[in-house]
Amino acid sequence: MSHSSRSILVVDDEINILKSMRRLFKHAGYDVFTAESGEQGLAILDKEDIQVILSDFRMPHMDGGEFLAKVKVSHPYTVSLILSGYADFDSVLSVMNSGNAFKFLTKPWENKLLLSEVENAFKHYREKLQLASSLEQSHLFNNINQLNSILEGLLSQNTPFSIGYFELSNALDLKRQHILIQPLTQLLYDYLDSHWHNDFSIHMLSENTLVLLTVGSDEKIAFSRLVADIAQTNWQTLIENKVDVSVSFIASDALLESSQFILDTLKEATVLINESIGFAPLDQEYLLSKQRELIIKSDVIHALRKNQFYLVYQPKVTLASGLIESAEVLLRWEHKSLGWLSPGEFIDIAESDGQIIEISQWVIDNGLKELSRLIALSDQIQSLSINISASQLMNFNIVQTIAAGLKKYQIDPKKLEVEVTETSLMQNLNTTSVTLNELKKIGVKIAIDDFGVGYSSFAYLTKLPIDVLKLDRILLDDIASNYDTQVLIENLVKTCHNLNIKVVAEGIETKAALEKVSLTLCDYVQGFYYSEPVSINEIERLFIEQPFLLERD
């Protein structure tokens, strides 16, 4: 292993950028390592002593946020910088807020400024080491590995314990949080020494996070009160800096499986706490939900490899004739122990940890494979629609994935319709609009789903490459009895038609609802009145038999 004190790792999927960075930093006297992906970067970190990382954000397979989150766990002292375009700022912000990156730098860069920021990063690295050394000498702190060992030992021996989790936030200068942790720790130690008469230990997990641990069976309630009191202390006054301390608490008689589960749960709780009350004991209900979430997270990839996911199809029916011309692809998962899972539940979880990329690739590949089969079966099929999520819209690789799938199965791009919700579209309109325009360039149709739930602006209808607009049924609920609603929908449909946009009314479950929709002159309807989502064999039968034609005669 190398022991250079000036080693930098540059991670970027563009070879020319890596070459340019290597020249720049070599000339400045640094030992330079380069990687074309996050996976390569992690492999280098396991072999070399790297002090500073400069990483791109938008990379295939593992983006910069995922990469730096893994770095933070395995190499906590390494200082990481993100170098990316302004368009990624909103996505990068969560990485910065999580403490996984020291600073966000923008492309294109100016060499002199970049070198200055990198030198600041090395300075920050040295300060972190000095702080860690001083803390270790105080005998109050242990590193994360030591704490994990202690917790695993307590769990294996069924020894009762309680934990308080303290996270420093909102410092006036976030880069100087590591300076504030030492006086906070001393104050915390002094407070405990005078108010708590049982054994305790304080552990530093990062430069802004402390864990307070006490062992014993009879102290849970008293310890919980103590931690709550600490949470209410005015640390701003005591430390004389603008700082907030969020605190969560957990006792070992709860449902605990591992030290990692304990620490992950406490950390996630502080996010909620920052938005609410400042202190929270984590009860059984909360922990059960976290356990369920962890099970889902850990089983996603296994489910993909074992084909435990499956697709169903809901037809879209032409309002004027009853002809089925298209269908929407929907993802389903019956978990081996949890049973049937709502897509809203496991998709949200997959979004949060990046596994949505693998799910998306599976849905696109299998959906396109079935589309090629349907096209060969019936000439009535105009399109099949596949849903993509907010994070997928922010990742330009989705365009390449879809283009490759269309080529693989020799499908006319016009036969594929990509559905995005209005809410996900508006999360970062500048970036998502680029993705949609790139999809449009390769010939794919674009549909906006759930129109009427969120922003519902006519303005973006003229600025985005929209082919289909799906009206949420919330807009249609009172159309028969409310003249104003009827006029609104009629004008919306007329506007869409003038823009060459087709309109779908979704959520149609009854004949009465269908009669209401008939007033709107929508192009298509979709809902349980005609069909619930069905298997591939059943959608094939519906395309061939066209059972609703007679109903509309």
Protein backbone atom coordinates (compact mmCIF):
# COMPACT_ATOMS: atom_id res chain seq x y z
CA MET A 1 0.00 0.00 0.00
CA SER A 2 1.23 3.45 -0.91
CA HIS A 3 1.66 5.96 1.89
CA SER A 4 1.98 9.20 -0.01
CA SER A 5 0.61 12.23 1.82
CA ARG A 6 -0.53 13.89 -1.41
CA SER A 7 -2.49 11.22 -3.29
CA ILE A 8 -5.60 12.16 -5.25
CA LEU A 9 -8.07 9.87 -7.00
CA VAL A 10 -9.98 11.27 -10.00
CA VAL A 11 -13.14 9.37 -11.01
CA ASP A 12 -14.84 10.20 -14.32
CA ASP A 13 -16.28 8.14 -17.16
CA GLU A 14 -14.76 10.45 -19.80
CA ILE A 15 -11.22 9.40 -20.75
CA ASN A 16 -10.20 12.86 -21.99
CA ILE A 17 -11.10 14.43 -18.65
CA LEU A 18 -9.04 11.83 -16.78
CA LYS A 19 -6.04 12.52 -19.02
CA SER A 20 -6.38 16.27 -18.50
CA MET A 21 -6.68 15.87 -14.71
CA ARG A 22 -3.69 13.53 -14.56
CA ARG A 23 -1.50 16.12 -16.34
CA LEU A 24 -2.75 18.98 -14.17
CA PHE A 25 -2.27 17.29 -10.81
CA LYS A 26 1.02 15.55 -11.75
CA HIS A 27 2.46 18.94 -12.68
CA ALA A 28 1.27 20.31 -9.30
CA GLY A 29 3.18 17.60 -7.45
CA TYR A 30 0.37 15.18 -6.54
CA ASP A 31 0.36 11.40 -6.87
CA VAL A 32 -2.57 10.85 -9.24
CA PHE A 33 -4.80 7.80 -9.58
CA THR A 34 -7.66 7.64 -12.08
CA ALA A 35 -10.77 5.50 -12.43
CA GLU A 36 -13.45 5.35 -15.13
CA SER A 37 -16.20 4.25 -12.75
CA GLY A 38 -17.17 4.14 -9.10
CA GLU A 39 -16.43 0.41 -9.01
CA GLN A 40 -12.88 1.00 -10.24
CA GLY A 41 -12.49 3.83 -7.75
CA LEU A 42 -13.44 1.60 -4.80
CA ALA A 43 -10.95 -1.03 -5.96
CA ILE A 44 -8.15 1.57 -6.03
CA LEU A 45 -9.11 2.84 -2.56
CA ASP A 46 -8.73 -0.69 -1.19
CA LYS A 47 -5.12 -0.80 -2.45
CA GLU A 48 -3.88 2.78 -2.14
CA ASP A 49 -3.73 5.40 0.59
CA ILE A 50 -5.85 8.16 -0.97
CA GLN A 51 -6.41 11.45 0.85
CA VAL A 52 -8.62 13.36 -1.63
CA ILE A 53 -11.15 12.21 -4.23
CA LEU A 54 -12.39 14.30 -7.16
CA SER A 55 -15.44 12.57 -8.63
CA ASP A 56 -17.82 13.21 -11.48
CA PHE A 57 -21.50 12.93 -10.53
CA ARG A 58 -23.22 11.60 -13.62
CA MET A 59 -21.70 8.19 -14.35
CA PRO A 60 -23.20 4.88 -15.54
CA HIS A 61 -23.98 1.99 -13.17
CA MET A 62 -22.92 3.91 -10.03
CA ASP A 63 -23.32 7.70 -9.92
CA GLY A 64 -21.12 10.00 -7.87
CA GLY A 65 -23.57 10.10 -4.97
CA GLU A 66 -23.63 6.31 -4.59
CA PHE A 67 -19.85 6.11 -4.95
CA LEU A 68 -19.12 8.74 -2.30
CA ALA A 69 -21.65 7.22 0.10
CA LYS A 70 -19.67 3.94 -0.06
CA VAL A 71 -16.40 5.87 0.36
CA LYS A 72 -17.73 7.59 3.49
CA VAL A 73 -18.36 4.21 5.13
CA SER A 74 -15.12 2.48 4.16
CA HIS A 75 -12.72 5.48 4.18
CA PRO A 76 -14.22 8.04 6.61
CA TYR A 77 -11.19 10.36 6.67
CA THR A 78 -10.89 10.72 2.89
CA VAL A 79 -12.07 14.14 1.65
CA SER A 80 -14.30 14.01 -1.42
CA LEU A 81 -15.09 16.69 -4.00
CA ILE A 82 -17.75 16.52 -6.73
CA LEU A 83 -16.98 17.98 -10.15
CA SER A 84 -20.03 18.22 -12.38
CA GLY A 85 -22.25 20.56 -14.42
CA TYR A 86 -24.71 23.12 -13.03
CA ALA A 87 -27.59 20.92 -14.24
CA ASP A 88 -26.71 18.36 -11.54
CA PHE A 89 -26.80 20.83 -8.66
CA ASP A 90 -30.17 19.75 -7.24
CA SER A 91 -29.14 16.09 -7.29
CA VAL A 92 -25.73 16.85 -5.80
CA LEU A 93 -27.31 18.90 -3.00
CA SER A 94 -28.49 15.77 -1.18
CA VAL A 95 -24.95 14.38 -1.35
CA MET A 96 -23.60 17.59 0.17
CA ASN A 97 -26.26 17.64 2.89
CA SER A 98 -25.45 14.06 3.84
CA GLY A 99 -21.84 15.05 4.46
CA ASN A 100 -20.51 12.65 1.81
CA ALA A 101 -18.84 15.45 -0.16
CA PHE A 102 -16.72 18.38 1.01
CA LYS A 103 -17.50 20.70 -1.88
CA PHE A 104 -19.27 20.92 -5.24
CA LEU A 105 -17.16 22.22 -8.14
CA THR A 106 -18.57 22.95 -11.58
CA LYS A 107 -17.61 21.95 -15.09
CA PRO A 108 -16.01 23.48 -17.07
CA TRP A 109 -13.33 24.29 -14.55
CA GLU A 110 -10.55 26.84 -14.31
CA ASN A 111 -7.23 25.12 -13.53
CA LYS A 112 -5.95 27.63 -10.98
CA LEU A 113 -9.21 27.62 -9.02
CA LEU A 114 -9.44 23.83 -9.15
CA LEU A 115 -5.92 23.43 -7.78
CA SER A 116 -6.75 25.85 -4.98
CA GLU A 117 -9.88 23.87 -3.99
CA VAL A 118 -7.97 20.59 -4.07
CA GLU A 119 -5.27 22.06 -1.82
CA ASN A 120 -8.02 23.16 0.60
CA ALA A 121 -9.31 19.58 0.56
CA PHE A 122 -5.87 18.25 1.55
CA LYS A 123 -5.75 20.83 4.34
CA HIS A 124 -9.17 19.63 5.53
CA TYR A 125 -7.90 16.04 5.48
CA ARG A 126 -4.97 16.96 7.75
CA GLU A 127 -7.34 18.76 10.16
CA LYS A 128 -9.57 15.67 10.33
CA LEU A 129 -6.58 13.47 11.20
CA GLN A 130 -5.40 15.90 13.89
CA LEU A 131 -8.88 15.99 15.39
CA ALA A 132 -9.14 12.21 15.37
CA SER A 133 -5.76 11.95 17.08
CA SER A 134 -6.72 14.39 19.83
CA LEU A 135 -10.00 12.61 20.39
CA GLU A 136 -8.36 9.22 20.65
CA GLN A 137 -5.95 10.57 23.24
CA SER A 138 -8.88 11.73 25.34
CA HIS A 139 -10.06 8.10 25.70
CA LEU A 140 -13.64 9.29 25.22
CA PHE A 141 -13.99 8.14 21.65
CA ASN A 142 -13.76 5.03 19.60
CA ASN A 143 -13.95 4.76 15.84
CA ILE A 144 -16.88 3.29 13.94
CA ASN A 145 -15.33 -0.17 13.71
CA GLN A 146 -14.80 -0.30 17.47
CA LEU A 147 -18.38 0.78 18.11
CA ASN A 148 -19.70 -1.85 15.70
CA SER A 149 -17.69 -4.52 17.52
CA ILE A 150 -19.07 -3.41 20.89
CA LEU A 151 -22.67 -3.40 19.64
CA GLU A 152 -22.37 -6.79 17.93
CA GLY A 153 -20.95 -8.22 21.17
CA LEU A 154 -23.82 -6.79 23.23
CA LEU A 155 -26.39 -8.12 20.74
CA SER A 156 -24.88 -11.61 20.61
CA GLN A 157 -24.86 -11.82 24.43
CA ASN A 158 -28.37 -10.33 24.75
CA THR A 159 -26.93 -7.62 26.98
CA PRO A 160 -29.33 -4.67 27.41
CA PHE A 161 -28.10 -1.24 26.32
CA SER A 162 -29.36 2.18 25.24
CA ILE A 163 -28.05 4.61 22.63
CA GLY A 164 -28.34 8.35 22.09
CA TYR A 165 -27.42 9.59 18.60
CA PHE A 166 -26.29 13.22 18.27
CA GLU A 167 -25.87 14.93 14.91
CA LEU A 168 -24.40 18.41 14.55
CA SER A 169 -26.09 20.44 11.82
CA ASN A 170 -26.74 23.93 10.47
CA ALA A 171 -23.30 25.21 11.39
CA LEU A 172 -22.64 28.70 10.11
CA ASP A 173 -19.69 27.34 8.18
CA LEU A 174 -20.35 23.67 7.33
CA LYS A 175 -16.69 23.13 6.52
CA ARG A 176 -15.82 23.97 10.11
CA GLN A 177 -18.21 21.51 11.80
CA HIS A 178 -15.23 19.38 12.77
CA ILE A 179 -13.94 22.27 14.89
CA LEU A 180 -17.23 22.50 16.79
CA ILE A 181 -17.48 18.82 17.64
CA GLN A 182 -14.69 18.98 20.22
CA PRO A 183 -16.23 21.67 22.49
CA LEU A 184 -19.62 19.98 22.06
CA THR A 185 -18.13 16.71 23.20
CA GLN A 186 -16.52 18.25 26.24
CA LEU A 187 -19.78 19.89 27.22
CA LEU A 188 -21.60 16.61 26.71
CA TYR A 189 -19.06 14.74 28.81
CA ASP A 190 -19.25 17.31 31.62
CA TYR A 191 -23.05 17.16 31.58
CA LEU A 192 -23.11 13.37 31.75
CA ASP A 193 -20.46 13.28 34.44
CA SER A 194 -22.66 15.41 36.69
CA HIS A 195 -26.11 14.03 35.76
CA TRP A 196 -25.50 10.36 35.00
CA HIS A 197 -23.97 8.03 37.56
CA ASN A 198 -23.71 4.88 35.47
CA ASP A 199 -21.02 3.89 33.03
CA PHE A 200 -21.19 5.47 29.60
CA SER A 201 -19.00 5.92 26.54
CA ILE A 202 -18.97 8.49 23.74
CA HIS A 203 -18.08 7.49 20.20
CA MET A 204 -17.38 9.69 17.20
CA LEU A 205 -18.88 8.28 14.01
CA SER A 206 -17.91 11.23 11.85
CA GLU A 207 -16.81 14.83 12.21
CA ASN A 208 -20.41 15.86 13.01
CA THR A 209 -21.88 12.76 14.69
CA LEU A 210 -21.56 11.37 18.21
CA VAL A 211 -23.06 8.28 19.81
CA LEU A 212 -23.67 8.00 23.54
CA LEU A 213 -23.79 4.38 24.77
CA THR A 214 -24.77 3.04 28.20
CA VAL A 215 -25.11 -0.62 29.22
CA GLY A 216 -27.72 -1.90 31.69
CA SER A 217 -31.31 -3.09 31.99
CA ASP A 218 -32.79 -0.69 34.53
CA GLU A 219 -31.81 2.59 32.95
CA LYS A 220 -33.85 2.83 29.76
CA ILE A 221 -36.46 5.33 30.94
CA ALA A 222 -34.00 7.45 32.88
CA PHE A 223 -31.54 7.43 30.00
CA SER A 224 -34.27 8.40 27.54
CA ARG A 225 -35.16 11.38 29.72
CA LEU A 226 -31.50 12.32 30.03
CA VAL A 227 -31.02 12.25 26.26
CA ALA A 228 -34.22 14.28 25.78
CA ASP A 229 -32.89 16.88 28.24
CA ILE A 230 -29.62 17.03 26.35
CA ALA A 231 -31.56 17.59 23.12
CA GLN A 232 -33.24 20.64 24.67
CA THR A 233 -29.96 22.21 25.75
CA ASN A 234 -29.11 25.51 24.06
CA TRP A 235 -25.88 24.41 22.40
CA GLN A 236 -25.74 27.60 20.35
CA THR A 237 -25.16 29.62 23.50
CA LEU A 238 -22.73 27.20 25.05
CA ILE A 239 -20.56 26.72 21.96
CA GLU A 240 -21.05 30.32 20.81
CA ASN A 241 -21.68 29.22 17.25
CA LYS A 242 -24.76 28.86 15.06
CA VAL A 243 -25.37 25.14 15.45
CA ASP A 244 -28.26 22.71 15.98
CA VAL A 245 -28.00 19.27 17.54
CA SER A 246 -30.50 16.60 16.48
CA VAL A 247 -30.90 13.63 18.79
CA SER A 248 -32.52 10.21 18.44
CA PHE A 249 -32.70 7.41 21.01
CA ILE A 250 -33.08 3.65 20.93
CA ALA A 251 -33.08 0.87 23.55
CA SER A 252 -31.99 -2.74 23.03
CA ASP A 253 -35.33 -4.26 24.00
CA ALA A 254 -36.58 -3.07 20.61
CA LEU A 255 -36.33 -5.15 17.43
CA LEU A 256 -32.62 -4.95 16.70
CA GLU A 257 -30.75 -7.22 14.32
CA SER A 258 -27.30 -5.73 13.86
CA SER A 259 -25.12 -2.76 14.68
CA GLN A 260 -25.52 -1.51 11.10
CA PHE A 261 -29.30 -1.61 11.42
CA ILE A 262 -29.11 0.33 14.70
CA LEU A 263 -26.87 3.07 13.34
CA ASP A 264 -28.70 3.35 9.99
CA THR A 265 -32.04 3.65 11.79
CA LEU A 266 -30.76 6.32 14.17
CA LYS A 267 -29.21 8.29 11.33
CA GLU A 268 -32.39 8.21 9.25
CA ALA A 269 -34.40 9.29 12.26
CA THR A 270 -32.33 12.45 12.62
CA VAL A 271 -33.47 13.52 9.16
CA LEU A 272 -37.07 13.45 10.37
CA ILE A 273 -36.09 15.06 13.61
CA ASN A 274 -34.41 17.97 11.82
CA GLU A 275 -37.78 18.68 10.25
CA SER A 276 -39.79 18.42 13.47
CA ILE A 277 -39.24 18.12 17.18
CA GLY A 278 -35.53 17.79 17.88
CA PHE A 279 -35.72 14.48 19.79
CA ALA A 280 -37.44 11.14 19.18
CA PRO A 281 -37.40 7.74 20.92
CA LEU A 282 -37.72 5.06 18.22
CA ASP A 283 -40.57 2.71 19.16
CA GLN A 284 -41.48 -0.81 18.00
CA GLU A 285 -43.76 0.40 15.21
CA TYR A 286 -41.01 2.57 13.75
CA LEU A 287 -38.46 -0.23 13.95
CA LEU A 288 -40.84 -2.74 12.37
CA SER A 289 -41.25 -0.39 9.42
CA LYS A 290 -37.46 0.00 9.17
CA GLN A 291 -37.00 -3.77 9.26
CA ARG A 292 -39.54 -4.15 6.48
CA GLU A 293 -37.70 -1.50 4.46
CA LEU A 294 -34.35 -3.25 4.96
CA ILE A 295 -35.82 -6.59 3.87
CA ILE A 296 -37.16 -4.99 0.69
CA LYS A 297 -33.84 -3.23 0.02
CA SER A 298 -31.79 -6.39 0.46
CA ASP A 299 -34.08 -8.55 -1.69
CA VAL A 300 -34.49 -6.35 -4.78
CA ILE A 301 -31.49 -7.68 -6.71
CA HIS A 302 -32.23 -11.26 -5.64
CA ALA A 303 -35.81 -10.88 -6.87
CA LEU A 304 -34.58 -9.58 -10.23
CA ARG A 305 -32.16 -12.49 -10.67
CA LYS A 306 -34.74 -15.09 -9.62
CA ASN A 307 -37.49 -13.57 -11.80
CA GLN A 308 -39.72 -12.81 -8.81
CA PHE A 309 -40.84 -9.59 -10.47
CA TYR A 310 -43.43 -9.86 -13.21
CA LEU A 311 -45.25 -7.56 -15.60
CA VAL A 312 -48.96 -6.99 -16.05
CA TYR A 313 -50.74 -4.96 -18.73
CA GLN A 314 -53.72 -2.61 -18.55
CA PRO A 315 -55.40 -1.78 -21.87
CA LYS A 316 -56.17 1.72 -23.09
CA VAL A 317 -59.48 1.77 -24.93
CA THR A 318 -60.41 4.18 -27.74
CA LEU A 319 -63.36 6.19 -26.41
CA ALA A 320 -65.08 6.57 -29.77
CA SER A 321 -64.99 2.92 -30.86
CA GLY A 322 -64.01 0.69 -27.96
CA LEU A 323 -60.94 -0.49 -29.88
CA ILE A 324 -57.92 -1.54 -27.79
CA GLU A 325 -54.87 -0.02 -29.47
CA SER A 326 -52.39 0.20 -26.63
CA ALA A 327 -51.63 -0.91 -23.07
CA GLU A 328 -49.62 0.21 -20.08
CA VAL A 329 -46.91 -2.01 -18.58
CA LEU A 330 -47.07 -2.27 -14.77
CA LEU A 331 -44.56 -3.93 -12.43
CA ARG A 332 -45.60 -6.41 -9.72
CA TRP A 333 -43.69 -8.21 -6.94
CA GLU A 334 -44.98 -10.93 -4.65
CA HIS A 335 -42.30 -11.16 -1.97
CA LYS A 336 -41.51 -14.61 -0.58
CA SER A 337 -42.11 -13.53 3.05
CA LEU A 338 -43.84 -10.12 2.92
CA GLY A 339 -46.41 -11.14 0.31
CA TRP A 340 -47.70 -8.80 -2.38
CA LEU A 341 -45.95 -5.44 -2.25
CA SER A 342 -47.40 -2.19 -3.46
CA PRO A 343 -45.31 -0.75 -6.33
CA GLY A 344 -45.49 2.60 -4.54
CA GLU A 345 -43.70 1.03 -1.57
CA PHE A 346 -40.86 -0.86 -3.24
CA ILE A 347 -40.32 1.68 -6.04
CA ASP A 348 -39.86 4.47 -3.47
CA ILE A 349 -37.36 2.34 -1.55
CA ALA A 350 -35.51 1.44 -4.74
CA GLU A 351 -35.42 5.13 -5.67
CA SER A 352 -33.82 6.02 -2.35
CA ASP A 353 -30.87 3.64 -2.64
CA GLY A 354 -30.30 3.64 -6.40
CA GLN A 355 -31.62 0.13 -7.11
CA ILE A 356 -34.27 1.68 -9.34
CA ILE A 357 -31.67 1.62 -12.15
CA GLU A 358 -31.52 -2.21 -12.15
CA ILE A 359 -35.31 -2.44 -11.87
CA SER A 360 -35.72 0.00 -14.73
CA GLN A 361 -33.38 -1.97 -16.96
CA TRP A 362 -35.31 -5.17 -16.22
CA VAL A 363 -38.70 -3.56 -16.92
CA ILE A 364 -37.50 -1.96 -20.16
CA ASP A 365 -35.91 -5.16 -21.46
CA ASN A 366 -38.83 -7.43 -20.58
CA GLY A 367 -41.43 -4.86 -21.64
CA LEU A 368 -39.81 -4.44 -25.05
CA LYS A 369 -39.48 -8.20 -25.46
CA GLU A 370 -43.24 -8.57 -24.87
CA LEU A 371 -43.95 -5.61 -27.16
CA SER A 372 -42.12 -7.36 -30.01
CA ARG A 373 -44.25 -10.43 -29.34
CA LEU A 374 -47.48 -8.40 -29.35
CA ILE A 375 -46.58 -6.60 -32.58
CA ALA A 376 -46.03 -9.95 -34.28
CA LEU A 377 -49.38 -11.14 -32.93
CA SER A 378 -51.67 -8.26 -33.94
CA ASP A 379 -51.52 -5.30 -36.30
CA GLN A 380 -53.97 -3.46 -34.00
CA ILE A 381 -51.21 -2.59 -31.56
CA GLN A 382 -50.21 1.05 -31.82
CA SER A 383 -48.05 1.31 -28.68
CA LEU A 384 -47.05 -0.06 -25.31
CA SER A 385 -46.28 2.39 -22.50
CA ILE A 386 -43.60 1.96 -19.82
CA ASN A 387 -43.30 4.14 -16.69
CA ILE A 388 -40.02 5.80 -15.74
CA SER A 389 -39.37 7.47 -12.40
CA ALA A 390 -37.96 10.81 -11.28
CA SER A 391 -34.42 9.53 -10.74
CA GLN A 392 -34.45 7.82 -14.12
CA LEU A 393 -35.40 11.11 -15.75
CA MET A 394 -32.34 12.66 -14.10
CA ASN A 395 -30.08 9.98 -15.58
CA PHE A 396 -29.36 10.40 -19.28
CA ASN A 397 -28.38 6.71 -19.48
CA ILE A 398 -32.09 5.90 -19.70
CA VAL A 399 -32.01 7.13 -23.31
CA GLN A 400 -29.18 4.74 -24.23
CA THR A 401 -30.90 1.88 -22.39
CA ILE A 402 -34.16 2.38 -24.31
CA ALA A 403 -32.40 2.89 -27.64
CA ALA A 404 -30.40 -0.33 -27.14
CA GLY A 405 -33.57 -2.27 -26.24
CA LEU A 406 -35.44 -1.02 -29.32
CA LYS A 407 -32.52 -2.11 -31.51
CA LYS A 408 -32.22 -5.47 -29.75
CA TYR A 409 -35.87 -6.39 -30.37
CA GLN A 410 -36.10 -4.56 -33.74
CA ILE A 411 -39.02 -2.38 -32.63
CA ASP A 412 -40.18 0.81 -34.34
CA PRO A 413 -39.57 3.53 -31.66
CA LYS A 414 -43.06 4.94 -32.34
CA LYS A 415 -44.48 1.74 -30.83
CA LEU A 416 -43.02 2.64 -27.44
CA GLU A 417 -44.57 5.24 -25.16
CA VAL A 418 -42.70 6.44 -22.07
CA GLU A 419 -44.90 7.61 -19.18
CA VAL A 420 -43.66 10.11 -16.60
CA THR A 421 -45.71 11.58 -13.78
CA GLU A 422 -46.28 15.30 -13.70
CA THR A 423 -44.72 15.45 -10.21
CA SER A 424 -41.49 13.68 -11.22
CA LEU A 425 -41.28 15.84 -14.34
CA MET A 426 -41.37 19.04 -12.32
CA GLN A 427 -38.74 18.03 -9.75
CA ASN A 428 -36.06 19.39 -12.03
CA LEU A 429 -37.69 20.58 -15.23
CA ASN A 430 -34.44 21.73 -16.85
CA THR A 431 -32.83 18.30 -16.61
CA THR A 432 -35.94 16.19 -17.22
CA SER A 433 -36.84 18.19 -20.32
CA VAL A 434 -33.41 17.35 -21.78
CA THR A 435 -34.05 13.63 -21.19
CA LEU A 436 -37.51 13.81 -22.77
CA ASN A 437 -36.21 15.67 -25.81
CA GLU A 438 -33.47 13.05 -26.29
CA LEU A 439 -36.08 10.29 -26.11
CA LYS A 440 -38.21 12.18 -28.61
CA LYS A 441 -35.22 12.41 -30.98
CA ILE A 442 -34.98 8.62 -31.19
CA GLY A 443 -38.69 8.45 -32.02
CA VAL A 444 -40.21 7.42 -28.66
CA LYS A 445 -43.61 8.85 -27.67
CA ILE A 446 -43.89 10.83 -24.41
CA ALA A 447 -46.89 10.66 -22.08
CA ILE A 448 -47.51 12.79 -18.97
CA ASP A 449 -49.28 10.74 -16.29
CA ASP A 450 -51.45 11.92 -13.35
CA PHE A 451 -52.12 15.35 -14.86
CA GLY A 452 -54.22 17.30 -12.38
CA VAL A 453 -52.65 15.96 -9.19
CA GLY A 454 -49.78 18.41 -8.96
CA TYR A 455 -48.73 21.47 -10.90
CA SER A 456 -51.04 21.21 -13.92
CA SER A 457 -49.77 24.07 -16.01
CA PHE A 458 -50.78 24.61 -19.62
CA ALA A 459 -47.46 26.37 -20.13
CA TYR A 460 -45.21 23.30 -20.21
CA LEU A 461 -47.52 21.57 -22.71
CA THR A 462 -46.10 23.87 -25.37
CA LYS A 463 -42.48 23.57 -24.24
CA LEU A 464 -42.11 19.79 -23.88
CA PRO A 465 -42.30 17.08 -26.55
CA ILE A 466 -45.58 15.61 -25.26
CA ASP A 467 -47.61 13.17 -27.33
CA VAL A 468 -50.12 11.99 -24.72
CA LEU A 469 -51.68 13.58 -21.63
CA LYS A 470 -53.30 11.32 -19.01
CA LEU A 471 -55.95 13.04 -16.89
CA ASP A 472 -56.09 11.91 -13.29
CA ARG A 473 -59.58 10.99 -12.20
CA ILE A 474 -59.48 13.67 -9.50
CA LEU A 475 -60.14 16.10 -12.35
CA LEU A 476 -63.14 14.10 -13.54
CA ASP A 477 -64.92 13.36 -10.27
CA ASP A 478 -67.54 16.10 -10.51
CA ILE A 479 -67.63 16.70 -14.25
CA ALA A 480 -71.29 15.62 -14.61
CA SER A 481 -72.56 17.96 -11.89
CA ASN A 482 -70.14 20.86 -12.15
CA TYR A 483 -70.39 22.97 -15.28
CA ASP A 484 -67.13 24.79 -14.51
CA THR A 485 -65.23 21.50 -14.33
CA GLN A 486 -66.80 20.40 -17.60
CA VAL A 487 -65.73 23.62 -19.32
CA LEU A 488 -62.20 23.31 -17.86
CA ILE A 489 -61.74 19.76 -19.11
CA GLU A 490 -63.27 20.50 -22.51
CA ASN A 491 -60.90 23.45 -22.96
CA LEU A 492 -57.93 21.34 -21.83
CA VAL A 493 -58.81 18.57 -24.28
CA LYS A 494 -59.32 21.14 -27.07
CA THR A 495 -55.95 22.74 -26.26
CA CYS A 496 -54.23 19.34 -26.34
CA HIS A 497 -55.82 18.44 -29.66
CA ASN A 498 -54.70 21.77 -31.12
CA LEU A 499 -51.17 20.84 -30.02
CA ASN A 500 -51.55 17.35 -31.52
CA ILE A 501 -51.59 15.78 -28.07
CA LYS A 502 -53.83 12.77 -27.40
CA VAL A 503 -55.77 12.69 -24.11
CA VAL A 504 -56.39 9.66 -21.88
CA ALA A 505 -58.91 9.62 -19.01
CA GLU A 506 -57.61 7.19 -16.38
CA GLY A 507 -59.20 5.57 -13.35
CA ILE A 508 -62.52 4.79 -15.06
CA GLU A 509 -64.15 2.11 -12.89
CA THR A 510 -67.90 2.40 -13.51
CA LYS A 511 -70.36 3.00 -16.35
CA ALA A 512 -71.34 6.28 -14.71
CA ALA A 513 -67.72 7.41 -14.77
CA LEU A 514 -67.48 6.44 -18.44
CA GLU A 515 -70.56 8.52 -19.24
CA LYS A 516 -68.98 11.49 -17.50
CA VAL A 517 -65.79 11.07 -19.50
CA SER A 518 -67.75 10.91 -22.74
CA LEU A 519 -68.54 14.59 -22.23
CA THR A 520 -64.84 15.48 -22.52
CA LEU A 521 -64.14 14.11 -26.01
CA CYS A 522 -61.02 12.38 -24.69
CA ASP A 523 -59.28 10.03 -27.09
CA TYR A 524 -58.79 7.06 -24.76
CA VAL A 525 -60.02 5.72 -21.43
CA GLN A 526 -58.30 3.38 -19.01
CA GLY A 527 -59.56 1.72 -15.85
CA PHE A 528 -61.22 -1.25 -14.16
CA TYR A 529 -64.52 -0.67 -15.99
CA TYR A 530 -62.87 -2.24 -19.01
CA SER A 531 -60.06 -4.25 -17.46
CA GLU A 532 -57.80 -4.50 -14.47
CA PRO A 533 -54.09 -5.11 -15.18
CA VAL A 534 -53.80 -8.59 -16.72
CA SER A 535 -51.16 -11.14 -17.69
CA ILE A 536 -49.39 -11.17 -21.05
CA ASN A 537 -51.59 -14.04 -22.25
CA GLU A 538 -54.75 -12.15 -21.33
CA ILE A 539 -53.66 -8.89 -22.97
CA GLU A 540 -52.88 -10.88 -26.11
CA ARG A 541 -56.43 -12.26 -26.04
CA LEU A 542 -57.89 -8.76 -25.58
CA PHE A 543 -55.90 -7.38 -28.53
CA ILE A 544 -57.08 -10.25 -30.75
CA GLU A 545 -60.73 -10.54 -29.67
CA GLN A 546 -61.41 -6.81 -29.10
CA PRO A 547 -64.30 -7.52 -26.70
CA PHE A 548 -65.33 -3.88 -26.18
CA LEU A 549 -66.11 -2.99 -29.79
CA LEU A 550 -69.69 -4.17 -29.56
CA GLU A 551 -70.20 -2.21 -26.33
CA ARG A 552 -69.41 0.99 -28.13
CA ASP A 553 -71.53 0.30 -31.24
